[in-house]
Each structure stands twice: as structure tokens, then as C-alpha cells.
Amino acid sequence: MKASIGDRLIVEGTYNHEPRRIGVITELRHDDGSPPYVVRWTDSERETLVFPGPDARVVSKQERESSLPPL
């Protein structure tokens, strides 16, 4: 997993009652973009250090922009 500042980290809930969490990567701890990441969660605005597990994925700004419908 590789990321850049501004990418989104999406963590899927592992149980039915857990919601998906979405955060914005605000700081990298390694120059190559590997974890861990400092993430600001959109639901609480808290920042935490995250070591993503298999239920997480990174969505880059380019991926988000390319998935938008044309105007």
C-alpha cells in the first residue's frame, strides 16, 4: 500500500454494525508512501496514527477525479 498526502483512506467495517470510515491522509511517516499514516477522520475530525489492515484501501486524488461523471 502506497499513499500521498491528501489521499483518502477507506476502512470497511468488519462487522455488520460497523460503518465504513473515511479519512484524509495528512502526514506520511516514510518517504516511499508506505504505512503508517496520520489520518484525519471525516466523521470526527480527530487525527490518529493508522497502520492499515486488510480491510483498508487508499483512494488517490486522481482516482477520485477520474470517477466523477463529466459535466
Protein backbone atom coordinates (compact mmCIF):
# COMPACT_ATOMS: atom_id res chain seq x y z
CA MET A 1 0.00 0.00 0.00
CA LYS A 2 1.34 3.41 -1.01
CA ALA A 3 -0.21 6.82 -0.39
CA SER A 4 0.37 10.54 -0.70
CA ILE A 5 -0.77 13.41 1.47
CA GLY A 6 -4.37 14.25 0.55
CA ASP A 7 -5.30 10.70 -0.47
CA ARG A 8 -8.26 9.09 1.26
CA LEU A 9 -8.01 6.04 3.46
CA ILE A 10 -11.19 3.96 3.45
CA VAL A 11 -11.62 1.32 6.12
CA GLU A 12 -14.55 -1.05 5.65
CA GLY A 13 -16.44 -2.17 8.75
CA THR A 14 -15.60 -5.76 9.57
CA TYR A 15 -18.95 -6.47 11.20
CA ASN A 16 -22.47 -5.58 10.07
CA HIS A 17 -22.91 -2.92 12.75
CA GLU A 18 -19.64 -1.10 11.99
CA PRO A 19 -19.81 1.71 9.44
CA ARG A 20 -17.19 2.40 6.79
CA ARG A 21 -14.68 5.02 7.95
CA ILE A 22 -13.17 7.59 5.62
CA GLY A 23 -10.15 9.68 6.42
CA VAL A 24 -7.74 12.03 4.70
CA ILE A 25 -4.04 11.24 4.93
CA THR A 26 -2.37 14.31 6.43
CA GLU A 27 1.13 13.01 7.13
CA LEU A 28 3.43 10.27 5.87
CA ARG A 29 5.98 8.63 8.13
CA HIS A 30 8.01 7.16 5.23
CA ASP A 31 9.21 8.88 2.06
CA ASP A 32 8.07 5.94 -0.10
CA GLY A 33 4.40 6.38 0.93
CA SER A 34 4.19 3.17 2.93
CA PRO A 35 2.27 2.95 6.25
CA PRO A 36 1.78 4.07 8.90
CA TYR A 37 -0.17 7.24 8.07
CA VAL A 38 -1.53 10.11 10.12
CA VAL A 39 -5.20 10.28 9.16
CA ARG A 40 -7.86 12.92 9.89
CA TRP A 41 -11.19 11.09 10.09
CA THR A 42 -14.09 12.83 8.36
CA ASP A 43 -16.67 11.71 10.93
CA SER A 44 -14.88 13.15 13.97
CA GLU A 45 -12.08 15.43 12.66
CA ARG A 46 -9.71 13.53 15.00
CA GLU A 47 -6.24 12.67 13.78
CA THR A 48 -4.77 9.27 14.53
CA LEU A 49 -1.74 7.23 13.52
CA VAL A 50 -3.02 4.32 11.42
CA PHE A 51 -1.39 1.04 10.47
CA PRO A 52 -3.92 -0.06 7.78
CA GLY A 53 -5.06 -3.66 7.79
CA PRO A 54 -6.53 -5.83 5.02
CA ASP A 55 -9.90 -4.06 5.34
CA ALA A 56 -8.39 -0.72 4.24
CA ARG A 57 -7.63 0.82 0.87
CA VAL A 58 -6.17 4.08 -0.39
CA VAL A 59 -8.02 6.18 -2.96
CA SER A 60 -5.83 8.78 -4.64
CA LYS A 61 -6.98 12.22 -5.78
CA GLN A 62 -6.52 11.10 -9.40
CA GLU A 63 -8.78 8.08 -8.85
CA ARG A 64 -11.48 10.25 -7.25
CA GLU A 65 -11.33 12.79 -10.09
CA SER A 66 -11.44 10.15 -12.83
CA SER A 67 -14.55 8.54 -11.31
CA LEU A 68 -16.58 11.77 -11.43
CA PRO A 69 -19.16 11.99 -14.21
CA PRO A 70 -18.42 14.58 -16.94
CA LEU A 71 -20.12 17.98 -16.62
